[in-house]
């Protein structure tokens, strides 16, 4: 039987909170961002990024308590602070941006908050709480039935996420309809024990029974596109089933609202930290090549609705690595030319065996890890 330990007073994990209401979560989110931005004297949040996404959702100044909020899909003509959303679509995402909506004009591009899927509506509420007036959401900022616009925007993913003020990560939502701001309950399977720290401070330790469901992956951690969406932004606020956490790569700090981080969330934070170390220090080094293989291994285990997106969902990370090598290396279908002796030694870990795509579904040459479905691992053994 597994138990989690929560400590009140002098143990770092923080005080026990058994009920996490919506407003509690929003208040923490606002406090964390304000402390981070103003504490470091950062001006970019107020002045806007150096990059301008093609489209953004402009959020009206409605009252989130009375549901009087509207969003408008607008061509972005200014460099304004904006948030991005990382989430799991699920089945039947509606509404989505189409060519027909653009032809019909402004009336088709404005949505009352009640018309939005709950996950996107919750992201709008977070933006209002943070004082951010614009939000980038792929379903509404990319023309979903226009191949040219899709290709163009996929090519801009690195800038879209890395230039955002913050990325809202809806890890706990299994679809766009689920939302992520509903209350979290710790449950009643816990007991409190008296605790005295080495310094003599008295407090308590909470033993909480852990279910198999709590140990499972967050729903978003199974989505292929979400991996680069978590690594690229300067800041993320991650709404998980067990914990809400804020991470800033500049401050190199992580703040939580109590609760507990899932194992998959811990691993992602480790990868995010390693990615930032590459941004700060590495060039075409063994460390960079080694980390590339780790990134590929994690990304390859994730699910993609369209298998042909296997390389696209990793392209923004590849763009960053290319810049780190001063564009002196050549990117070849998920591999780097300088690392081919090592990176060609991959194997498929899918229990059903290696599944090669037919010529009609061509994604990558057979020597590339991207040519198969399922998790891959580099090296022997």
Protein backbone atom coordinates (compact mmCIF):
# COMPACT_ATOMS: atom_id res chain seq x y z
CA UNK A 1 0.00 0.00 0.00
CA UNK A 2 1.47 3.36 -1.06
CA UNK A 3 1.21 6.57 0.89
CA UNK A 4 2.18 10.12 0.06
CA UNK A 5 3.63 12.32 2.75
CA UNK A 6 2.43 15.91 3.06
CA UNK A 7 3.95 18.12 5.67
CA UNK A 8 2.57 21.16 7.39
CA UNK A 9 5.11 23.70 8.68
CA UNK A 10 8.75 22.80 8.15
CA UNK A 11 8.71 20.13 5.44
CA UNK A 12 9.18 21.58 1.96
CA UNK A 13 6.22 19.87 0.28
CA UNK A 14 3.89 22.34 2.00
CA UNK A 15 0.68 22.30 4.02
CA UNK A 16 -2.07 19.81 3.39
CA UNK A 17 -4.89 21.13 1.26
CA UNK A 18 -7.73 18.64 0.80
CA UNK A 19 -9.88 20.86 -1.42
CA UNK A 20 -8.57 23.03 -4.26
CA UNK A 21 -11.40 25.29 -5.46
CA UNK A 22 -11.30 27.17 -8.75
CA UNK A 23 -10.63 30.61 -7.26
CA UNK A 24 -7.84 29.19 -5.10
CA UNK A 25 -6.14 27.94 -8.27
CA UNK A 26 -6.61 31.23 -10.15
CA UNK A 27 -5.28 33.28 -7.22
CA UNK A 28 -2.15 31.15 -7.04
CA UNK A 29 -1.61 31.44 -10.80
CA UNK A 30 -1.81 35.24 -10.71
CA UNK A 31 0.45 35.52 -7.67
CA UNK A 32 3.12 33.27 -9.19
CA UNK A 33 3.33 35.15 -12.49
CA UNK A 34 3.34 38.59 -10.83
CA UNK A 35 6.06 37.58 -8.40
CA UNK A 36 8.18 36.10 -11.18
CA UNK A 37 7.84 38.95 -13.70
CA UNK A 38 7.96 41.92 -11.34
CA UNK A 39 10.48 40.31 -9.00
CA UNK A 40 12.98 40.04 -11.86
CA UNK A 41 12.10 43.48 -13.22
CA UNK A 42 11.09 41.99 -16.58
CA UNK A 43 9.57 44.37 -19.12
CA UNK A 44 8.73 41.95 -21.94
CA UNK A 45 5.45 40.90 -20.32
CA UNK A 46 4.23 44.51 -20.53
CA UNK A 47 5.93 45.55 -23.77
CA UNK A 48 5.10 42.45 -25.79
CA UNK A 49 7.27 39.79 -27.47
CA UNK A 50 9.57 40.26 -30.45
CA UNK A 51 7.49 37.77 -32.46
CA UNK A 52 3.92 38.29 -33.65
CA UNK A 53 1.68 35.23 -34.25
CA UNK A 54 -0.51 35.44 -37.35
CA UNK A 55 -3.75 35.16 -35.34
CA UNK A 56 -4.75 35.40 -31.68
CA UNK A 57 -7.91 35.19 -29.64
CA UNK A 58 -8.68 38.68 -28.34
CA UNK A 59 -10.41 38.38 -24.96
CA UNK A 60 -13.10 40.88 -24.00
CA UNK A 61 -13.09 42.54 -20.59
CA UNK A 62 -16.09 40.57 -19.40
CA UNK A 63 -16.72 39.33 -15.88
CA UNK A 64 -15.77 35.64 -15.62
CA UNK A 65 -18.18 35.26 -12.70
CA UNK A 66 -21.19 36.27 -14.82
CA UNK A 67 -20.07 34.59 -18.06
CA UNK A 68 -20.17 37.86 -20.02
CA UNK A 69 -16.85 37.18 -21.74
CA UNK A 70 -16.38 37.00 -25.52
CA UNK A 71 -13.37 36.03 -27.60
CA UNK A 72 -12.69 37.15 -31.16
CA UNK A 73 -10.36 35.43 -33.63
CA UNK A 74 -8.33 38.35 -34.92
CA UNK A 75 -5.45 38.84 -37.32
CA UNK A 76 -2.64 39.99 -35.11
CA UNK A 77 -1.21 43.33 -36.27
CA UNK A 78 0.69 44.23 -33.10
CA UNK A 79 3.28 42.68 -30.85
CA UNK A 80 1.23 42.12 -27.71
CA UNK A 81 1.75 39.85 -24.69
CA UNK A 82 -0.12 36.59 -25.18
CA UNK A 83 -0.53 33.17 -23.61
CA UNK A 84 -0.52 29.82 -25.38
CA UNK A 85 -2.58 26.75 -24.54
CA UNK A 86 -1.30 23.18 -24.54
CA UNK A 87 -4.16 20.70 -24.31
CA UNK A 88 -5.63 17.45 -25.58
CA UNK A 89 -8.28 17.83 -28.27
CA UNK A 90 -10.11 14.55 -27.79
CA UNK A 91 -12.90 13.58 -30.17
CA UNK A 92 -15.12 16.07 -31.97
CA UNK A 93 -13.40 19.36 -31.15
CA UNK A 94 -15.75 22.27 -31.88
CA UNK A 95 -15.52 25.05 -32.86
CA UNK A 96 -12.48 25.08 -35.11
CA UNK A 97 -11.33 27.78 -37.51
CA UNK A 98 -12.29 27.04 -41.14
CA UNK A 99 -12.07 28.83 -44.48
CA UNK A 100 -15.86 29.18 -44.50
CA UNK A 101 -15.79 31.10 -41.20
CA UNK A 102 -13.23 33.51 -42.59
CA UNK A 103 -15.36 34.08 -45.71
CA UNK A 104 -18.46 34.75 -43.62
CA UNK A 105 -16.71 37.54 -41.77
CA UNK A 106 -16.54 38.96 -38.23
CA UNK A 107 -19.81 37.48 -36.99
CA UNK A 108 -18.48 33.95 -37.42
CA UNK A 109 -15.24 34.76 -35.64
CA UNK A 110 -16.71 35.90 -32.32
CA UNK A 111 -17.65 33.44 -29.60
CA UNK A 112 -19.37 33.83 -26.26
CA UNK A 113 -17.49 31.97 -23.55
CA UNK A 114 -20.35 29.46 -23.30
CA UNK A 115 -19.75 28.36 -26.92
CA UNK A 116 -16.16 27.37 -26.25
CA UNK A 117 -15.11 23.89 -25.10
CA UNK A 118 -14.53 23.97 -21.34
CA UNK A 119 -10.74 23.56 -21.58
CA UNK A 120 -10.43 26.60 -23.86
CA UNK A 121 -12.92 28.54 -21.72
CA UNK A 122 -10.86 27.76 -18.62
CA UNK A 123 -7.73 29.01 -20.42
CA UNK A 124 -9.59 32.28 -21.14
CA UNK A 125 -10.43 32.60 -17.44
CA UNK A 126 -6.76 32.04 -16.55
CA UNK A 127 -5.72 34.78 -19.01
CA UNK A 128 -8.21 37.19 -17.44
CA UNK A 129 -6.86 36.38 -13.99
CA UNK A 130 -3.28 36.93 -15.18
CA UNK A 131 -4.12 40.20 -16.92
CA UNK A 132 -3.25 38.83 -20.37
CA UNK A 133 -5.61 39.95 -23.13
CA UNK A 134 -4.67 37.50 -25.89
CA UNK A 135 -4.55 33.72 -26.18
CA UNK A 136 -3.17 31.41 -28.89
CA UNK A 137 -5.09 28.15 -29.35
CA UNK A 138 -4.25 25.90 -32.30
CA UNK A 139 -7.87 24.93 -33.10
CA UNK A 140 -8.93 28.57 -33.46
CA UNK A 141 -5.71 30.21 -34.68
CA UNK A 142 -4.85 27.77 -37.48
CA UNK A 143 -7.22 27.27 -40.43
CA UNK A 144 -7.95 23.59 -39.93
CA UNK A 145 -9.09 22.85 -43.50
CA UNK A 146 -6.28 24.79 -45.20
CA UNK A 147 -3.15 22.71 -45.75
CA UNK A 148 -1.02 25.72 -46.63
CA UNK A 149 -1.96 27.61 -43.47
CA UNK A 150 -1.36 24.49 -41.36
CA UNK A 151 2.10 23.99 -42.83
CA UNK A 152 2.94 27.66 -42.32
CA UNK A 153 1.84 27.68 -38.69
CA UNK A 154 3.54 24.38 -37.87
CA UNK A 155 6.72 26.01 -39.13
CA UNK A 156 6.18 28.83 -36.64
CA UNK A 157 5.63 26.67 -33.54
CA UNK A 158 9.04 27.39 -32.09
CA UNK A 159 8.42 31.15 -32.14
CA UNK A 160 4.76 30.88 -31.10
CA UNK A 161 5.54 29.04 -27.87
CA UNK A 162 8.95 30.43 -27.01
CA UNK A 163 7.76 34.04 -27.40
CA UNK A 164 4.60 33.64 -25.32
CA UNK A 165 4.40 35.20 -21.88
CA UNK A 166 3.25 31.87 -20.46
CA UNK A 167 1.89 28.54 -21.63
CA UNK A 168 -1.19 27.18 -19.91
CA UNK A 169 -0.79 23.40 -19.72
CA UNK A 170 -4.08 21.54 -19.25
CA UNK A 171 -2.50 18.25 -18.16
CA UNK A 172 -5.53 16.93 -16.26
CA UNK A 173 -8.04 17.41 -19.09
CA UNK A 174 -8.66 14.33 -21.21
CA UNK A 175 -10.33 16.38 -23.96
CA UNK A 176 -11.22 19.94 -24.89
CA UNK A 177 -14.59 19.42 -23.21
CA UNK A 178 -13.26 18.44 -19.77
CA UNK A 179 -11.78 21.69 -18.49
CA UNK A 180 -9.05 21.92 -15.85
CA UNK A 181 -10.21 24.48 -13.26
CA UNK A 182 -12.83 22.33 -11.54
CA UNK A 183 -12.02 21.62 -7.86
CA UNK A 184 -9.45 18.99 -6.99
CA UNK A 185 -10.20 16.73 -4.04
CA UNK A 186 -7.48 14.96 -2.09
CA UNK A 187 -10.07 12.54 -0.70
CA UNK A 188 -10.45 11.25 2.83
CA UNK A 189 -7.89 8.42 2.85
CA UNK A 190 -5.30 10.24 4.96
CA UNK A 191 -4.17 10.61 8.55
CA UNK A 192 -2.20 13.30 10.39
CA UNK A 193 0.87 12.58 12.53
CA UNK A 194 2.74 14.98 14.79
CA UNK A 195 6.09 16.07 13.38
CA UNK A 196 9.04 17.92 14.97
CA UNK A 197 11.80 19.28 12.72
CA UNK A 198 15.51 19.27 13.55
CA UNK A 199 15.17 22.93 14.44
CA UNK A 200 12.52 22.16 17.02
CA UNK A 201 9.54 23.45 15.05
CA UNK A 202 6.37 21.47 15.49
CA UNK A 203 4.00 20.63 12.70
CA UNK A 204 2.36 17.61 11.18
CA UNK A 205 2.91 15.03 8.47
CA UNK A 206 0.00 13.78 6.43
CA UNK A 207 -0.02 10.21 5.13
CA UNK A 208 -2.23 9.98 2.07
CA UNK A 209 -3.14 6.76 0.35
CA UNK A 210 -2.16 6.74 -3.33
CA UNK A 211 -4.41 5.04 -5.83
CA UNK A 212 -3.24 3.48 -9.08
CA UNK A 213 -5.29 6.10 -10.90
CA UNK A 214 -3.26 8.88 -9.27
CA UNK A 215 -0.01 7.22 -10.35
CA UNK A 216 -1.13 7.01 -13.97
CA UNK A 217 0.06 9.40 -16.67
CA UNK A 218 -1.64 12.74 -16.95
CA UNK A 219 -3.88 12.66 -20.06
CA UNK A 220 -1.87 15.38 -21.81
CA UNK A 221 1.39 13.51 -21.26
CA UNK A 222 0.25 10.97 -23.84
CA UNK A 223 -0.12 13.58 -26.62
CA UNK A 224 2.72 13.92 -29.12
CA UNK A 225 2.42 17.64 -29.86
CA UNK A 226 2.38 18.54 -26.16
CA UNK A 227 6.02 17.56 -25.60
CA UNK A 228 7.58 20.49 -27.48
CA UNK A 229 4.79 22.75 -26.19
CA UNK A 230 6.08 22.06 -22.66
CA UNK A 231 9.79 22.43 -23.42
CA UNK A 232 9.75 25.65 -25.47
CA UNK A 233 7.98 28.36 -23.39
CA UNK A 234 9.81 30.59 -20.93
CA UNK A 235 7.12 29.82 -18.34
CA UNK A 236 4.50 27.14 -17.91
CA UNK A 237 1.65 26.79 -15.48
CA UNK A 238 0.67 23.15 -15.37
CA UNK A 239 -2.79 22.15 -14.13
CA UNK A 240 -2.47 18.48 -13.14
CA UNK A 241 -4.80 16.05 -11.39
CA UNK A 242 -2.77 16.10 -8.17
CA UNK A 243 -1.07 19.48 -8.28
CA UNK A 244 -0.87 22.85 -10.01
CA UNK A 245 2.69 24.00 -10.61
CA UNK A 246 4.43 27.04 -12.08
CA UNK A 247 7.87 26.80 -13.67
CA UNK A 248 10.06 29.60 -14.97
CA UNK A 249 13.22 28.60 -16.80
CA UNK A 250 14.85 32.01 -16.26
CA UNK A 251 14.34 31.85 -12.49
CA UNK A 252 15.02 28.09 -12.57
CA UNK A 253 12.27 27.76 -10.00
CA UNK A 254 9.19 25.60 -9.55
CA UNK A 255 6.31 26.62 -7.29
CA UNK A 256 3.33 24.42 -6.41
CA UNK A 257 0.03 24.79 -4.60
CA UNK A 258 0.71 21.79 -2.39
CA UNK A 259 -0.48 18.37 -3.40
CA UNK A 260 1.88 16.02 -5.18
CA UNK A 261 3.48 15.81 -8.59
CA UNK A 262 2.86 12.71 -10.70
CA UNK A 263 5.87 10.72 -11.88
CA UNK A 264 5.29 11.77 -15.49
CA UNK A 265 5.18 15.43 -14.43
CA UNK A 266 8.47 15.07 -12.55
CA UNK A 267 10.13 13.57 -15.61
CA UNK A 268 8.86 16.38 -17.83
CA UNK A 269 10.27 19.03 -15.50
CA UNK A 270 13.62 17.23 -15.60
CA UNK A 271 13.57 17.26 -19.42
CA UNK A 272 12.54 20.91 -19.45
CA UNK A 273 15.48 21.77 -17.20
CA UNK A 274 17.86 19.82 -19.42
CA UNK A 275 16.48 21.58 -22.49
CA UNK A 276 17.16 24.96 -20.93
CA UNK A 277 20.70 23.91 -20.04
CA UNK A 278 21.23 23.26 -23.75
CA UNK A 279 19.91 26.72 -24.56
CA UNK A 280 22.33 28.32 -22.12
CA UNK A 281 25.53 26.37 -22.55
CA UNK A 282 25.75 23.76 -25.29
CA UNK A 283 26.64 23.83 -28.95
CA UNK A 284 27.47 20.81 -31.14
CA UNK A 285 28.64 18.70 -28.23
CA UNK A 286 28.18 15.13 -27.11
CA UNK A 287 25.76 16.39 -24.45
CA UNK A 288 23.55 17.94 -27.09
CA UNK A 289 23.52 14.75 -29.15
CA UNK A 290 22.87 12.62 -26.09
CA UNK A 291 19.97 14.85 -24.99
CA UNK A 292 18.55 14.76 -28.50
CA UNK A 293 18.22 10.99 -28.23
CA UNK A 294 16.46 11.32 -24.87
CA UNK A 295 14.03 13.86 -26.31
CA UNK A 296 13.27 11.57 -29.24
CA UNK A 297 12.69 8.58 -26.94
CA UNK A 298 10.13 10.52 -24.91
CA UNK A 299 8.38 12.02 -27.92
CA UNK A 300 8.20 8.69 -29.75
CA UNK A 301 6.13 7.00 -27.04
CA UNK A 302 3.37 9.61 -27.33
CA UNK A 303 0.21 9.30 -29.37
CA UNK A 304 -0.49 11.23 -32.56
CA UNK A 305 -3.90 11.24 -34.22
CA UNK A 306 -2.18 11.62 -37.59
CA UNK A 307 0.95 9.40 -37.81
CA UNK A 308 2.32 11.65 -40.55
CA UNK A 309 2.81 14.33 -37.87
CA UNK A 310 5.59 12.29 -36.22
CA UNK A 311 8.32 14.64 -37.43
CA UNK A 312 6.15 17.77 -37.41
CA UNK A 313 5.40 17.34 -33.70
CA UNK A 314 9.15 17.44 -33.04
CA UNK A 315 10.11 20.10 -35.58
CA UNK A 316 10.28 23.06 -33.17
CA UNK A 317 12.80 21.26 -30.97
CA UNK A 318 14.82 20.43 -34.08
CA UNK A 319 14.79 24.12 -35.03
CA UNK A 320 16.20 25.07 -31.62
CA UNK A 321 18.95 22.46 -31.84
CA UNK A 322 19.82 23.66 -35.34
CA UNK A 323 20.39 27.15 -33.97
CA UNK A 324 22.55 25.73 -31.17
CA UNK A 325 24.82 24.16 -33.78
CA UNK A 326 24.98 27.48 -35.65
CA UNK A 327 23.23 25.64 -38.49
CA UNK A 328 26.49 23.83 -39.25
CA UNK A 329 24.85 20.39 -38.90
CA UNK A 330 22.33 18.83 -41.27
CA UNK A 331 18.94 17.60 -40.06
CA UNK A 332 17.97 14.32 -41.73
CA UNK A 333 14.48 12.93 -41.00
CA UNK A 334 14.82 13.12 -37.23
CA UNK A 335 18.60 12.61 -37.09
CA UNK A 336 21.66 14.86 -37.21
CA UNK A 337 24.35 14.01 -39.75
CA UNK A 338 27.15 14.42 -37.20
CA UNK A 339 25.44 11.94 -34.87
CA UNK A 340 24.47 9.26 -37.41
CA UNK A 341 26.81 6.54 -36.11
CA UNK A 342 25.03 6.70 -32.76
CA UNK A 343 21.50 7.68 -33.67
CA UNK A 344 21.07 4.99 -36.35
CA UNK A 345 21.28 2.39 -33.56
CA UNK A 346 17.64 2.64 -32.58
CA UNK A 347 15.13 -0.09 -31.96
CA UNK A 348 11.35 -0.19 -31.73
CA UNK A 349 9.88 -1.06 -28.32
CA UNK A 350 6.31 -1.52 -29.42
CA UNK A 351 4.98 -4.78 -27.96
CA UNK A 352 3.35 -5.57 -31.29
CA UNK A 353 6.65 -5.24 -33.11
CA UNK A 354 7.93 -2.80 -35.68
CA UNK A 355 5.11 -1.38 -37.81
CA UNK A 356 6.36 0.16 -41.07
CA UNK A 357 4.08 2.49 -42.97
CA UNK A 358 2.98 1.72 -46.50
CA UNK A 359 4.16 3.91 -49.36
CA UNK A 360 0.83 5.76 -49.29
CA UNK A 361 1.59 6.76 -45.69
CA UNK A 362 5.24 7.62 -46.21
CA UNK A 363 6.67 9.65 -43.33
CA UNK A 364 10.42 9.05 -43.33
CA UNK A 365 13.06 6.71 -44.81
CA UNK A 366 13.24 3.25 -43.25
CA UNK A 367 16.50 4.03 -41.45
CA UNK A 368 14.82 6.79 -39.44
CA UNK A 369 13.11 6.23 -36.09
CA UNK A 370 10.25 8.33 -37.48
CA UNK A 371 9.39 5.60 -40.02
CA UNK A 372 7.78 3.38 -37.36
CA UNK A 373 4.92 3.79 -34.92
CA UNK A 374 5.62 3.38 -31.21
CA UNK A 375 8.37 4.07 -28.72
CA UNK A 376 11.98 3.80 -29.81
CA UNK A 377 15.20 3.55 -27.85
CA UNK A 378 18.75 4.31 -28.93
CA UNK A 379 21.77 2.12 -28.32
CA UNK A 380 22.09 -1.60 -27.78
CA UNK A 381 20.66 -3.73 -25.00
